[in-house]
Amino acid sequence: MKKLYYPLMGLMLFLAGCGKGVMDSTFPQEPRPGGRDDIAADYFPLKEGLTWTYEDRATAIRVVASNPTIYGPAYSVEGLMQDRVLRKTWDGKVMELRGDTWRLLFDLEAEEQATWTIQAPGEQVDLLDGARVTVESRSDTVTTPFGRFTRSIRLAVQPREGLFDAGVSQMWFAPGVGLVKWSESWIGGERVHALTGFGAAGPTDTRPE
């Protein structure tokens, strides 16, 4: 009995020390066995210094800083329609910090035809607030000035009620690169932004095969 007592006490003390602020069940520290293989391809890379540039767009998207959270690292991202604080979960979800609440932006492991609504804590000031997102395809081929991407995920984005003449309408995410193309509606029609450069600390000439 004594031989079992001490190991069990040690285990209980370890679990007691892993409070909600240390290990949260929504962010396991190890990858889940049996998850999608393409999660490893990383459809939304986040790393300080990464930069994306697009056609017809003066502002690039940049990852400018990282900060630790109880869920793992969070990143300050400039230019993704607006500046955002983002983190990724172990199962392919991209979460955004709004006020003191994390909300789901993109579920990049979701099956085709899966849908969700981007919640808007408080006042709706973001074009994505209240938008309805649907996974239309997980196998698109997208051609951009930067290169051709296969196995791309296409999301359809329906703006919230009252915002039908403005907002993002479709987004394409490619493995290993992230957001390679998106379209947005406005009162003058539709604009398409296709990737022209991607890399660390600025666009590079490293293109997809």
N, C-alpha and C. Protein backbone atom coordinates (compact mmCIF):
# COMPACT_ATOMS: atom_id res chain seq x y z
N MET A 1 0.83 -1.19 0.00
CA MET A 1 0.00 0.00 0.00
C MET A 1 0.87 1.26 0.00
N LYS A 2 1.98 1.26 0.77
CA LYS A 2 2.84 2.43 0.84
C LYS A 2 3.45 2.74 -0.52
N LYS A 3 3.72 1.68 -1.30
CA LYS A 3 4.33 1.89 -2.60
C LYS A 3 3.39 2.66 -3.54
N LEU A 4 2.08 2.46 -3.40
CA LEU A 4 1.11 3.15 -4.24
C LEU A 4 0.78 4.54 -3.71
N TYR A 5 0.90 4.71 -2.41
CA TYR A 5 0.44 5.95 -1.78
C TYR A 5 1.22 7.17 -2.27
N TYR A 6 2.55 7.07 -2.28
CA TYR A 6 3.35 8.23 -2.65
C TYR A 6 3.21 8.63 -4.12
N PRO A 7 3.23 7.67 -5.08
CA PRO A 7 2.99 8.07 -6.47
C PRO A 7 1.63 8.71 -6.66
N LEU A 8 0.58 8.20 -6.00
CA LEU A 8 -0.75 8.78 -6.15
C LEU A 8 -0.80 10.19 -5.58
N MET A 9 -0.15 10.39 -4.43
CA MET A 9 -0.10 11.73 -3.84
C MET A 9 0.61 12.71 -4.77
N GLY A 10 1.70 12.23 -5.39
CA GLY A 10 2.43 13.09 -6.32
C GLY A 10 1.58 13.49 -7.51
N LEU A 11 0.81 12.53 -8.05
CA LEU A 11 -0.06 12.83 -9.17
C LEU A 11 -1.13 13.84 -8.79
N MET A 12 -1.71 13.66 -7.58
CA MET A 12 -2.76 14.58 -7.14
C MET A 12 -2.21 16.00 -6.96
N LEU A 13 -0.99 16.11 -6.43
CA LEU A 13 -0.40 17.43 -6.26
C LEU A 13 -0.10 18.08 -7.59
N PHE A 14 0.33 17.29 -8.60
CA PHE A 14 0.61 17.80 -9.93
C PHE A 14 -0.66 18.35 -10.58
N LEU A 15 -1.76 17.58 -10.49
CA LEU A 15 -3.02 18.02 -11.08
C LEU A 15 -3.55 19.25 -10.37
N ALA A 16 -3.37 19.31 -9.07
CA ALA A 16 -3.83 20.48 -8.33
C ALA A 16 -3.08 21.72 -8.76
N GLY A 17 -1.82 21.56 -9.13
CA GLY A 17 -1.03 22.71 -9.56
C GLY A 17 -1.34 23.17 -10.96
N CYS A 18 -2.06 22.34 -11.75
CA CYS A 18 -2.40 22.71 -13.12
C CYS A 18 -3.76 23.36 -13.13
N GLY A 19 -3.86 24.53 -12.55
CA GLY A 19 -5.13 25.25 -12.51
C GLY A 19 -5.49 25.77 -13.87
N LYS A 20 -6.63 26.46 -13.95
CA LYS A 20 -7.12 26.93 -15.24
C LYS A 20 -6.15 27.90 -15.89
N GLY A 21 -5.40 28.62 -15.09
CA GLY A 21 -4.46 29.57 -15.67
C GLY A 21 -3.21 28.92 -16.22
N VAL A 22 -3.01 27.65 -15.99
CA VAL A 22 -1.80 26.97 -16.46
C VAL A 22 -2.10 26.04 -17.62
N MET A 23 -3.04 25.14 -17.44
CA MET A 23 -3.42 24.23 -18.53
C MET A 23 -4.93 24.31 -18.71
N ASP A 24 -5.36 24.74 -19.87
CA ASP A 24 -6.79 24.85 -20.14
C ASP A 24 -7.18 23.74 -21.11
N SER A 25 -8.32 23.12 -20.88
CA SER A 25 -8.73 21.99 -21.70
C SER A 25 -8.99 22.39 -23.15
N THR A 26 -9.18 23.70 -23.40
CA THR A 26 -9.41 24.13 -24.77
C THR A 26 -8.12 24.31 -25.56
N PHE A 27 -6.98 24.16 -24.92
CA PHE A 27 -5.70 24.29 -25.62
C PHE A 27 -4.71 23.27 -25.10
N PRO A 28 -4.87 21.99 -25.47
CA PRO A 28 -3.93 20.97 -25.02
C PRO A 28 -2.50 21.32 -25.44
N GLN A 29 -1.56 20.91 -24.63
CA GLN A 29 -0.17 21.22 -24.93
C GLN A 29 0.44 20.29 -25.98
N GLU A 30 -0.21 19.18 -26.25
CA GLU A 30 0.26 18.25 -27.28
C GLU A 30 -0.79 18.14 -28.38
N PRO A 31 -0.39 17.91 -29.64
CA PRO A 31 -1.37 17.77 -30.72
C PRO A 31 -2.25 16.54 -30.51
N ARG A 32 -3.49 16.65 -30.94
CA ARG A 32 -4.42 15.54 -30.79
C ARG A 32 -4.09 14.44 -31.80
N PRO A 33 -3.95 13.19 -31.36
CA PRO A 33 -3.73 12.10 -32.31
C PRO A 33 -4.95 11.95 -33.22
N GLY A 34 -4.70 11.62 -34.47
CA GLY A 34 -5.80 11.35 -35.37
C GLY A 34 -6.43 12.57 -35.97
N GLY A 35 -5.83 13.77 -35.78
CA GLY A 35 -6.38 14.98 -36.38
C GLY A 35 -6.09 15.02 -37.87
N ARG A 36 -6.58 16.07 -38.54
CA ARG A 36 -6.34 16.20 -39.97
C ARG A 36 -4.84 16.30 -40.26
N ASP A 37 -4.39 15.58 -41.29
CA ASP A 37 -3.00 15.69 -41.67
C ASP A 37 -2.66 17.09 -42.16
N ASP A 38 -3.64 17.77 -42.81
CA ASP A 38 -3.31 19.06 -43.40
C ASP A 38 -3.22 20.18 -42.39
N ILE A 39 -3.52 19.93 -41.12
CA ILE A 39 -3.27 20.95 -40.11
C ILE A 39 -1.77 21.25 -40.06
N ALA A 40 -0.96 20.22 -40.25
CA ALA A 40 0.49 20.39 -40.22
C ALA A 40 0.95 21.32 -41.34
N ALA A 41 0.17 21.39 -42.42
CA ALA A 41 0.54 22.27 -43.53
C ALA A 41 0.34 23.74 -43.16
N ASP A 42 -0.45 24.01 -42.13
CA ASP A 42 -0.61 25.35 -41.58
C ASP A 42 -1.25 26.31 -42.58
N TYR A 43 -2.56 26.38 -42.55
CA TYR A 43 -3.31 27.26 -43.42
C TYR A 43 -3.34 28.70 -42.92
N PHE A 44 -2.81 28.96 -41.74
CA PHE A 44 -2.76 30.32 -41.22
C PHE A 44 -1.49 30.48 -40.40
N PRO A 45 -0.32 30.55 -41.05
CA PRO A 45 0.93 30.66 -40.29
C PRO A 45 1.00 31.97 -39.52
N LEU A 46 1.44 31.89 -38.27
CA LEU A 46 1.62 33.07 -37.43
C LEU A 46 3.02 33.03 -36.85
N LYS A 47 3.82 34.01 -37.22
CA LYS A 47 5.19 34.11 -36.73
C LYS A 47 5.63 35.56 -36.91
N GLU A 48 6.30 36.09 -35.91
CA GLU A 48 6.74 37.48 -36.00
C GLU A 48 7.55 37.71 -37.28
N GLY A 49 7.22 38.79 -37.99
CA GLY A 49 7.95 39.15 -39.19
C GLY A 49 7.32 38.69 -40.48
N LEU A 50 6.38 37.74 -40.43
CA LEU A 50 5.73 37.30 -41.66
C LEU A 50 4.94 38.44 -42.27
N THR A 51 5.03 38.56 -43.60
CA THR A 51 4.36 39.63 -44.32
C THR A 51 3.73 39.09 -45.60
N TRP A 52 2.51 39.55 -45.88
CA TRP A 52 1.81 39.20 -47.12
C TRP A 52 1.49 40.51 -47.86
N THR A 53 1.69 40.54 -49.17
CA THR A 53 1.28 41.69 -49.97
C THR A 53 0.33 41.21 -51.06
N TYR A 54 -0.54 42.13 -51.51
CA TYR A 54 -1.60 41.77 -52.45
C TYR A 54 -1.75 42.82 -53.54
N GLU A 55 -2.37 42.39 -54.66
CA GLU A 55 -2.69 43.33 -55.72
C GLU A 55 -3.68 44.38 -55.23
N ASP A 56 -3.58 45.57 -55.78
CA ASP A 56 -4.56 46.62 -55.54
C ASP A 56 -4.77 46.89 -54.05
N ARG A 57 -3.72 46.73 -53.26
CA ARG A 57 -3.88 46.94 -51.82
C ARG A 57 -2.63 47.65 -51.29
N ALA A 58 -2.83 48.84 -50.76
CA ALA A 58 -1.69 49.63 -50.31
C ALA A 58 -1.08 49.07 -49.03
N THR A 59 -1.91 48.46 -48.19
CA THR A 59 -1.43 47.99 -46.89
C THR A 59 -1.19 46.49 -46.91
N ALA A 60 -0.01 46.08 -46.50
CA ALA A 60 0.29 44.66 -46.38
C ALA A 60 -0.26 44.12 -45.07
N ILE A 61 -0.34 42.80 -44.97
CA ILE A 61 -0.65 42.14 -43.70
C ILE A 61 0.67 41.73 -43.07
N ARG A 62 0.85 42.09 -41.79
CA ARG A 62 2.11 41.80 -41.11
C ARG A 62 1.85 41.27 -39.71
N VAL A 63 2.66 40.27 -39.32
CA VAL A 63 2.67 39.81 -37.94
C VAL A 63 3.78 40.58 -37.24
N VAL A 64 3.41 41.43 -36.28
CA VAL A 64 4.39 42.37 -35.74
C VAL A 64 4.89 42.02 -34.35
N ALA A 65 4.15 41.21 -33.59
CA ALA A 65 4.58 40.91 -32.22
C ALA A 65 3.86 39.67 -31.72
N SER A 66 4.44 39.02 -30.73
CA SER A 66 3.79 37.88 -30.08
C SER A 66 3.80 38.08 -28.57
N ASN A 67 2.79 37.53 -27.92
CA ASN A 67 2.68 37.62 -26.46
C ASN A 67 2.16 36.30 -25.92
N PRO A 68 2.65 35.85 -24.76
CA PRO A 68 2.15 34.60 -24.18
C PRO A 68 0.77 34.79 -23.58
N THR A 69 -0.07 33.75 -23.67
CA THR A 69 -1.36 33.72 -22.99
C THR A 69 -1.51 32.34 -22.36
N ILE A 70 -2.55 32.15 -21.58
CA ILE A 70 -2.77 30.84 -20.97
C ILE A 70 -3.13 29.80 -22.02
N TYR A 71 -3.49 30.25 -23.24
CA TYR A 71 -3.85 29.33 -24.31
C TYR A 71 -2.69 29.05 -25.25
N GLY A 72 -1.58 29.72 -25.08
CA GLY A 72 -0.47 29.64 -26.02
C GLY A 72 -0.18 31.04 -26.56
N PRO A 73 0.75 31.17 -27.52
CA PRO A 73 1.12 32.50 -28.00
C PRO A 73 -0.01 33.16 -28.78
N ALA A 74 -0.15 34.48 -28.60
CA ALA A 74 -1.06 35.30 -29.39
C ALA A 74 -0.21 36.31 -30.15
N TYR A 75 -0.70 36.73 -31.32
CA TYR A 75 0.10 37.56 -32.21
C TYR A 75 -0.67 38.82 -32.61
N SER A 76 0.03 39.94 -32.63
CA SER A 76 -0.53 41.18 -33.15
C SER A 76 -0.34 41.19 -34.66
N VAL A 77 -1.44 41.33 -35.38
CA VAL A 77 -1.43 41.27 -36.85
C VAL A 77 -1.99 42.58 -37.39
N GLU A 78 -1.21 43.25 -38.23
CA GLU A 78 -1.64 44.50 -38.84
C GLU A 78 -2.20 44.25 -40.23
N GLY A 79 -3.27 44.97 -40.59
CA GLY A 79 -3.73 45.00 -41.97
C GLY A 79 -4.71 43.95 -42.40
N LEU A 80 -5.17 43.07 -41.49
CA LEU A 80 -6.14 42.04 -41.87
C LEU A 80 -7.54 42.65 -41.74
N MET A 81 -7.90 43.50 -42.72
CA MET A 81 -9.08 44.36 -42.71
C MET A 81 -8.95 45.44 -41.62
N GLN A 82 -8.40 45.06 -40.49
CA GLN A 82 -8.02 46.00 -39.44
C GLN A 82 -6.94 45.30 -38.61
N ASP A 83 -6.36 45.99 -37.64
CA ASP A 83 -5.36 45.36 -36.78
C ASP A 83 -6.06 44.41 -35.81
N ARG A 84 -5.45 43.23 -35.57
CA ARG A 84 -6.09 42.21 -34.75
C ARG A 84 -5.06 41.53 -33.85
N VAL A 85 -5.56 40.90 -32.79
CA VAL A 85 -4.75 40.02 -31.95
C VAL A 85 -5.30 38.62 -32.14
N LEU A 86 -4.45 37.70 -32.65
CA LEU A 86 -4.91 36.38 -33.05
C LEU A 86 -4.09 35.28 -32.37
N ARG A 87 -4.71 34.14 -32.20
CA ARG A 87 -4.01 32.92 -31.79
C ARG A 87 -4.66 31.74 -32.51
N LYS A 88 -3.95 30.63 -32.53
CA LYS A 88 -4.46 29.41 -33.16
C LYS A 88 -4.63 28.33 -32.11
N THR A 89 -5.66 27.51 -32.26
CA THR A 89 -5.85 26.38 -31.38
C THR A 89 -5.23 25.14 -32.01
N TRP A 90 -5.12 24.09 -31.21
CA TRP A 90 -4.51 22.85 -31.68
C TRP A 90 -5.33 22.19 -32.79
N ASP A 91 -6.61 22.55 -32.93
CA ASP A 91 -7.46 21.87 -33.91
C ASP A 91 -7.84 22.78 -35.08
N GLY A 92 -6.98 23.74 -35.41
CA GLY A 92 -7.15 24.48 -36.65
C GLY A 92 -8.02 25.71 -36.59
N LYS A 93 -8.37 26.20 -35.42
CA LYS A 93 -9.21 27.38 -35.31
C LYS A 93 -8.34 28.63 -35.11
N VAL A 94 -8.74 29.71 -35.78
CA VAL A 94 -8.08 31.01 -35.60
C VAL A 94 -9.00 31.86 -34.74
N MET A 95 -8.51 32.26 -33.57
CA MET A 95 -9.30 33.00 -32.60
C MET A 95 -8.80 34.44 -32.53
N GLU A 96 -9.73 35.38 -32.32
CA GLU A 96 -9.37 36.79 -32.19
C GLU A 96 -9.79 37.31 -30.82
N LEU A 97 -8.92 38.12 -30.22
CA LEU A 97 -9.24 38.76 -28.95
C LEU A 97 -9.97 40.07 -29.22
N ARG A 98 -11.23 40.16 -28.75
CA ARG A 98 -12.01 41.40 -28.84
C ARG A 98 -12.39 41.80 -27.42
N GLY A 99 -11.85 42.92 -26.96
CA GLY A 99 -12.04 43.30 -25.57
C GLY A 99 -11.34 42.29 -24.68
N ASP A 100 -12.12 41.60 -23.84
CA ASP A 100 -11.54 40.54 -23.01
C ASP A 100 -12.10 39.17 -23.39
N THR A 101 -12.60 39.05 -24.64
CA THR A 101 -13.23 37.81 -25.09
C THR A 101 -12.56 37.31 -26.36
N TRP A 102 -12.30 36.00 -26.40
CA TRP A 102 -11.80 35.36 -27.62
C TRP A 102 -12.99 34.93 -28.47
N ARG A 103 -12.97 35.26 -29.75
CA ARG A 103 -14.04 34.83 -30.64
C ARG A 103 -13.45 34.05 -31.82
N LEU A 104 -14.26 33.17 -32.40
CA LEU A 104 -13.83 32.37 -33.55
C LEU A 104 -13.91 33.20 -34.81
N LEU A 105 -12.76 33.31 -35.52
CA LEU A 105 -12.76 33.91 -36.84
C LEU A 105 -12.88 32.84 -37.92
N PHE A 106 -11.91 31.91 -37.95
CA PHE A 106 -11.86 30.92 -39.01
C PHE A 106 -11.61 29.54 -38.42
N ASP A 107 -12.42 28.57 -38.83
CA ASP A 107 -12.20 27.17 -38.44
C ASP A 107 -11.64 26.45 -39.66
N LEU A 108 -10.33 26.29 -39.69
CA LEU A 108 -9.67 25.74 -40.86
C LEU A 108 -9.56 24.22 -40.84
N GLU A 109 -10.22 23.60 -39.86
CA GLU A 109 -10.34 22.15 -39.87
C GLU A 109 -11.79 21.73 -40.18
N ALA A 110 -12.69 22.68 -40.28
CA ALA A 110 -14.10 22.36 -40.47
C ALA A 110 -14.34 21.69 -41.81
N GLU A 111 -15.32 20.80 -41.84
CA GLU A 111 -15.68 20.11 -43.07
C GLU A 111 -16.39 21.06 -44.03
N GLU A 112 -16.45 20.68 -45.29
CA GLU A 112 -17.17 21.47 -46.27
C GLU A 112 -18.64 21.62 -45.86
N GLN A 113 -19.16 22.80 -46.08
CA GLN A 113 -20.53 23.21 -45.75
C GLN A 113 -20.74 23.52 -44.27
N ALA A 114 -19.71 23.38 -43.46
CA ALA A 114 -19.82 23.82 -42.06
C ALA A 114 -19.96 25.34 -42.04
N THR A 115 -20.74 25.86 -41.09
CA THR A 115 -20.97 27.29 -40.98
C THR A 115 -20.83 27.76 -39.54
N TRP A 116 -20.51 29.02 -39.35
CA TRP A 116 -20.49 29.64 -38.03
C TRP A 116 -20.66 31.16 -38.20
N THR A 117 -21.01 31.82 -37.14
CA THR A 117 -21.17 33.28 -37.15
C THR A 117 -20.05 33.90 -36.32
N ILE A 118 -19.41 34.91 -36.87
CA ILE A 118 -18.37 35.64 -36.14
C ILE A 118 -19.06 36.58 -35.16
N GLN A 119 -18.91 36.28 -33.90
CA GLN A 119 -19.60 37.05 -32.87
C GLN A 119 -19.02 38.46 -32.75
N ALA A 120 -19.85 39.37 -32.29
CA ALA A 120 -19.43 40.76 -32.15
C ALA A 120 -19.69 41.23 -30.72
N PRO A 121 -18.74 40.99 -29.82
CA PRO A 121 -18.93 41.48 -28.44
C PRO A 121 -19.03 43.00 -28.43
N GLY A 122 -20.11 43.51 -27.93
CA GLY A 122 -20.29 44.96 -27.87
C GLY A 122 -20.68 45.54 -29.22
N GLU A 123 -20.22 46.75 -29.51
CA GLU A 123 -20.59 47.47 -30.71
C GLU A 123 -20.00 46.82 -31.96
N GLN A 124 -20.79 46.78 -33.04
CA GLN A 124 -20.33 46.20 -34.29
C GLN A 124 -19.57 47.25 -35.09
N VAL A 125 -18.25 47.16 -35.08
CA VAL A 125 -17.42 48.16 -35.75
C VAL A 125 -16.52 47.53 -36.82
N ASP A 126 -16.46 46.22 -36.87
CA ASP A 126 -15.60 45.48 -37.78
C ASP A 126 -16.46 44.94 -38.92
N LEU A 127 -15.93 44.93 -40.15
CA LEU A 127 -16.68 44.37 -41.28
C LEU A 127 -17.00 42.90 -41.08
N LEU A 128 -16.22 42.20 -40.23
CA LEU A 128 -16.47 40.78 -39.99
C LEU A 128 -17.44 40.54 -38.84
N ASP A 129 -17.77 41.57 -38.08
CA ASP A 129 -18.70 41.40 -36.95
C ASP A 129 -20.05 40.89 -37.46
N GLY A 130 -20.52 39.79 -36.90
CA GLY A 130 -21.82 39.26 -37.25
C GLY A 130 -21.87 38.54 -38.58
N ALA A 131 -20.73 38.40 -39.27
CA ALA A 131 -20.73 37.74 -40.58
C ALA A 131 -20.94 36.24 -40.43
N ARG A 132 -21.60 35.65 -41.42
CA ARG A 132 -21.83 34.20 -41.46
C ARG A 132 -20.80 33.58 -42.39
N VAL A 133 -20.02 32.62 -41.91
CA VAL A 133 -18.93 32.01 -42.68
C VAL A 133 -19.29 30.57 -43.01
N THR A 134 -19.05 30.17 -44.26
CA THR A 134 -19.31 28.80 -44.71
C THR A 134 -18.07 28.26 -45.42
N VAL A 135 -17.70 27.03 -45.11
CA VAL A 135 -16.60 26.37 -45.82
C VAL A 135 -17.16 25.82 -47.12
N GLU A 136 -16.85 26.47 -48.23
CA GLU A 136 -17.40 26.05 -49.52
C GLU A 136 -16.56 24.98 -50.18
N SER A 137 -15.26 24.97 -49.93
CA SER A 137 -14.39 23.96 -50.55
C SER A 137 -13.12 23.80 -49.73
N ARG A 138 -12.58 22.59 -49.75
CA ARG A 138 -11.27 22.32 -49.16
C ARG A 138 -10.28 21.88 -50.24
N SER A 139 -10.63 22.07 -51.50
CA SER A 139 -9.78 21.55 -52.57
C SER A 139 -9.68 22.50 -53.76
N ASP A 140 -9.80 23.79 -53.53
CA ASP A 140 -9.70 24.75 -54.63
C ASP A 140 -8.26 24.88 -55.11
N THR A 141 -8.12 25.21 -56.38
CA THR A 141 -6.83 25.62 -56.94
C THR A 141 -6.91 27.11 -57.22
N VAL A 142 -5.97 27.87 -56.68
CA VAL A 142 -5.99 29.33 -56.78
C VAL A 142 -4.72 29.79 -57.48
N THR A 143 -4.88 30.64 -58.49
CA THR A 143 -3.74 31.22 -59.20
C THR A 143 -3.62 32.69 -58.84
N THR A 144 -2.44 33.08 -58.39
CA THR A 144 -2.17 34.47 -58.01
C THR A 144 -0.88 34.92 -58.69
N PRO A 145 -0.55 36.21 -58.66
CA PRO A 145 0.74 36.65 -59.20
C PRO A 145 1.93 35.99 -58.50
N PHE A 146 1.73 35.56 -57.26
CA PHE A 146 2.82 34.94 -56.51
C PHE A 146 2.99 33.47 -56.85
N GLY A 147 1.94 32.83 -57.38
CA GLY A 147 2.04 31.42 -57.73
C GLY A 147 0.68 30.74 -57.72
N ARG A 148 0.72 29.44 -57.97
CA ARG A 148 -0.49 28.63 -58.04
C ARG A 148 -0.55 27.73 -56.81
N PHE A 149 -1.71 27.69 -56.17
CA PHE A 149 -1.87 26.95 -54.92
C PHE A 149 -2.98 25.91 -55.06
N THR A 150 -2.68 24.68 -54.70
CA THR A 150 -3.68 23.62 -54.70
C THR A 150 -4.12 23.33 -53.26
N ARG A 151 -5.17 22.55 -53.10
CA ARG A 151 -5.71 22.17 -51.79
C ARG A 151 -6.05 23.39 -50.93
N SER A 152 -6.51 24.45 -51.58
CA SER A 152 -6.84 25.67 -50.85
C SER A 152 -8.25 25.56 -50.26
N ILE A 153 -8.43 26.19 -49.11
CA ILE A 153 -9.72 26.25 -48.45
C ILE A 153 -10.42 27.55 -48.86
N ARG A 154 -11.66 27.41 -49.34
CA ARG A 154 -12.43 28.60 -49.72
C ARG A 154 -13.56 28.82 -48.74
N LEU A 155 -13.56 30.01 -48.13
CA LEU A 155 -14.61 30.40 -47.20
C LEU A 155 -15.50 31.44 -47.86
N ALA A 156 -16.82 31.24 -47.79
CA ALA A 156 -17.77 32.26 -48.20
C ALA A 156 -18.17 33.05 -46.97
N VAL A 157 -18.16 34.37 -47.09
CA VAL A 157 -18.44 35.24 -45.95
C VAL A 157 -19.65 36.11 -46.29
N GLN A 158 -20.73 35.90 -45.57
CA GLN A 158 -21.94 36.70 -45.77
C GLN A 158 -21.99 37.78 -44.70
N PRO A 159 -21.90 39.05 -45.11
CA PRO A 159 -21.89 40.13 -44.10
C PRO A 159 -23.18 40.15 -43.28
N ARG A 160 -23.08 40.79 -42.13
CA ARG A 160 -24.25 40.89 -41.27
C ARG A 160 -25.36 41.70 -41.94
N GLU A 161 -26.56 41.57 -41.42
CA GLU A 161 -27.71 42.28 -41.95
C GLU A 161 -27.46 43.79 -41.92
N GLY A 162 -27.80 44.43 -43.02
CA GLY A 162 -27.59 45.86 -43.12
C GLY A 162 -26.25 46.24 -43.71
N LEU A 163 -25.41 45.25 -44.05
CA LEU A 163 -24.07 45.52 -44.58
C LEU A 163 -23.85 44.75 -45.88
N PHE A 164 -24.90 44.61 -46.69
CA PHE A 164 -24.80 43.78 -47.87
C PHE A 164 -24.07 44.45 -49.03
N ASP A 165 -23.87 45.77 -48.95
CA ASP A 165 -23.15 46.45 -50.03
C ASP A 165 -21.69 46.70 -49.67
N ALA A 166 -21.22 46.07 -48.59
CA ALA A 166 -19.82 46.22 -48.20
C ALA A 166 -19.40 45.01 -47.37
N GLY A 167 -18.12 44.67 -47.46
CA GLY A 167 -17.62 43.57 -46.64
C GLY A 167 -16.96 42.49 -47.47
N VAL A 168 -16.28 41.58 -46.79
CA VAL A 168 -15.58 40.47 -47.44
C VAL A 168 -16.61 39.46 -47.93
N SER A 169 -16.40 38.90 -49.13
CA SER A 169 -17.34 37.92 -49.67
C SER A 169 -16.75 36.52 -49.77
N GLN A 170 -15.46 36.39 -50.11
CA GLN A 170 -14.81 35.08 -50.17
C GLN A 170 -13.35 35.21 -49.76
N MET A 171 -12.82 34.12 -49.17
CA MET A 171 -11.42 34.10 -48.76
C MET A 171 -10.84 32.73 -49.09
N TRP A 172 -9.59 32.71 -49.56
CA TRP A 172 -8.90 31.46 -49.88
C TRP A 172 -7.63 31.35 -49.03
N PHE A 173 -7.47 30.22 -48.37
CA PHE A 173 -6.29 29.94 -47.54
C PHE A 173 -5.55 28.75 -48.14
N ALA A 174 -4.24 28.91 -48.36
CA ALA A 174 -3.43 27.85 -48.95
C ALA A 174 -2.48 27.26 -47.92
N PRO A 175 -2.19 25.95 -48.01
CA PRO A 175 -1.29 25.33 -47.03
C PRO A 175 0.11 25.92 -47.08
N GLY A 176 0.63 26.23 -45.91
CA GLY A 176 1.98 26.75 -45.80
C GLY A 176 2.12 28.23 -46.03
N VAL A 177 1.05 28.88 -46.50
CA VAL A 177 1.13 30.30 -46.84
C VAL A 177 0.09 31.12 -46.10
N GLY A 178 -1.14 30.62 -46.06
CA GLY A 178 -2.20 31.38 -45.40
C GLY A 178 -3.14 32.02 -46.40
N LEU A 179 -3.52 33.27 -46.15
CA LEU A 179 -4.50 33.96 -46.98
C LEU A 179 -3.86 34.38 -48.30
N VAL A 180 -4.23 33.70 -49.39
CA VAL A 180 -3.62 33.97 -50.69
C VAL A 180 -4.52 34.82 -51.60
N LYS A 181 -5.81 34.90 -51.25
CA LYS A 181 -6.72 35.68 -52.09
C LYS A 181 -7.99 35.95 -51.30
N TRP A 182 -8.59 37.13 -51.52
CA TRP A 182 -9.92 37.36 -50.99
C TRP A 182 -10.62 38.40 -51.85
N SER A 183 -11.93 38.38 -51.82
CA SER A 183 -12.72 39.36 -52.55
C SER A 183 -13.60 40.10 -51.56
N GLU A 184 -13.90 41.34 -51.88
CA GLU A 184 -14.76 42.13 -51.01
C GLU A 184 -15.71 42.96 -51.86
N SER A 185 -16.91 43.10 -51.36
CA SER A 185 -17.93 43.90 -52.05
C SER A 185 -17.95 45.30 -51.47
N TRP A 186 -18.23 46.26 -52.31
CA TRP A 186 -18.43 47.63 -51.86
C TRP A 186 -19.43 48.27 -52.80
N ILE A 187 -19.80 49.51 -52.54
CA ILE A 187 -20.87 50.14 -53.29
C ILE A 187 -20.54 50.25 -54.78
N GLY A 188 -19.26 50.22 -55.13
CA GLY A 188 -18.86 50.33 -56.53
C GLY A 188 -18.69 48.99 -57.23
N GLY A 189 -18.91 47.89 -56.54
CA GLY A 189 -18.78 46.58 -57.16
C GLY A 189 -17.99 45.63 -56.29
N GLU A 190 -17.07 44.87 -56.90
CA GLU A 190 -16.28 43.88 -56.17
C GLU A 190 -14.80 44.08 -56.46
N ARG A 191 -13.99 43.97 -55.41
CA ARG A 191 -12.54 44.05 -55.56
C ARG A 191 -11.93 42.72 -55.14
N VAL A 192 -10.90 42.31 -55.87
CA VAL A 192 -10.20 41.06 -55.59
C VAL A 192 -8.76 41.37 -55.22
N HIS A 193 -8.29 40.77 -54.14
CA HIS A 193 -6.91 40.95 -53.68
C HIS A 193 -6.20 39.61 -53.78
N ALA A 194 -5.23 39.51 -54.68
CA ALA A 194 -4.48 38.27 -54.88
C ALA A 194 -3.04 38.46 -54.43
N LEU A 195 -2.46 37.42 -53.90
CA LEU A 195 -1.13 37.48 -53.29
C LEU A 195 -0.05 37.83 -54.31
N THR A 196 0.80 38.80 -53.94
CA THR A 196 1.96 39.15 -54.76
C THR A 196 3.28 38.85 -54.07
N GLY A 197 3.26 38.69 -52.74
CA GLY A 197 4.50 38.40 -52.02
C GLY A 197 4.22 37.84 -50.65
N PHE A 198 5.11 36.99 -50.17
CA PHE A 198 4.96 36.38 -48.84
C PHE A 198 6.33 36.00 -48.32
N GLY A 199 6.57 36.26 -47.05
CA GLY A 199 7.83 35.83 -46.45
C GLY A 199 8.06 36.46 -45.10
N ALA A 200 9.19 36.15 -44.51
CA ALA A 200 9.57 36.69 -43.20
C ALA A 200 10.22 38.05 -43.40
N ALA A 201 9.78 39.01 -42.59
CA ALA A 201 10.33 40.37 -42.63
C ALA A 201 10.20 40.99 -44.01
N GLY A 202 9.14 40.62 -44.75
CA GLY A 202 8.89 41.19 -46.05
C GLY A 202 8.70 40.12 -47.11
N PRO A 203 8.03 40.47 -48.23
CA PRO A 203 7.78 39.48 -49.29
C PRO A 203 9.07 38.94 -49.85
N THR A 204 9.02 37.69 -50.29
CA THR A 204 10.21 37.04 -50.85
C THR A 204 9.87 36.49 -52.22
N ASP A 205 10.86 35.91 -52.86
CA ASP A 205 10.65 35.26 -54.15
C ASP A 205 10.47 33.76 -54.00
N THR A 206 10.27 33.28 -52.78
CA THR A 206 10.05 31.86 -52.56
C THR A 206 8.61 31.54 -52.94
N ARG A 207 8.43 30.90 -54.06
CA ARG A 207 7.10 30.67 -54.60
C ARG A 207 6.72 29.19 -54.51
N PRO A 208 5.41 28.90 -54.54
CA PRO A 208 4.98 27.50 -54.50
C PRO A 208 5.42 26.76 -55.73
N GLU A 209 5.50 25.45 -55.62
CA GLU A 209 5.88 24.64 -56.77
C GLU A 209 4.78 24.65 -57.80
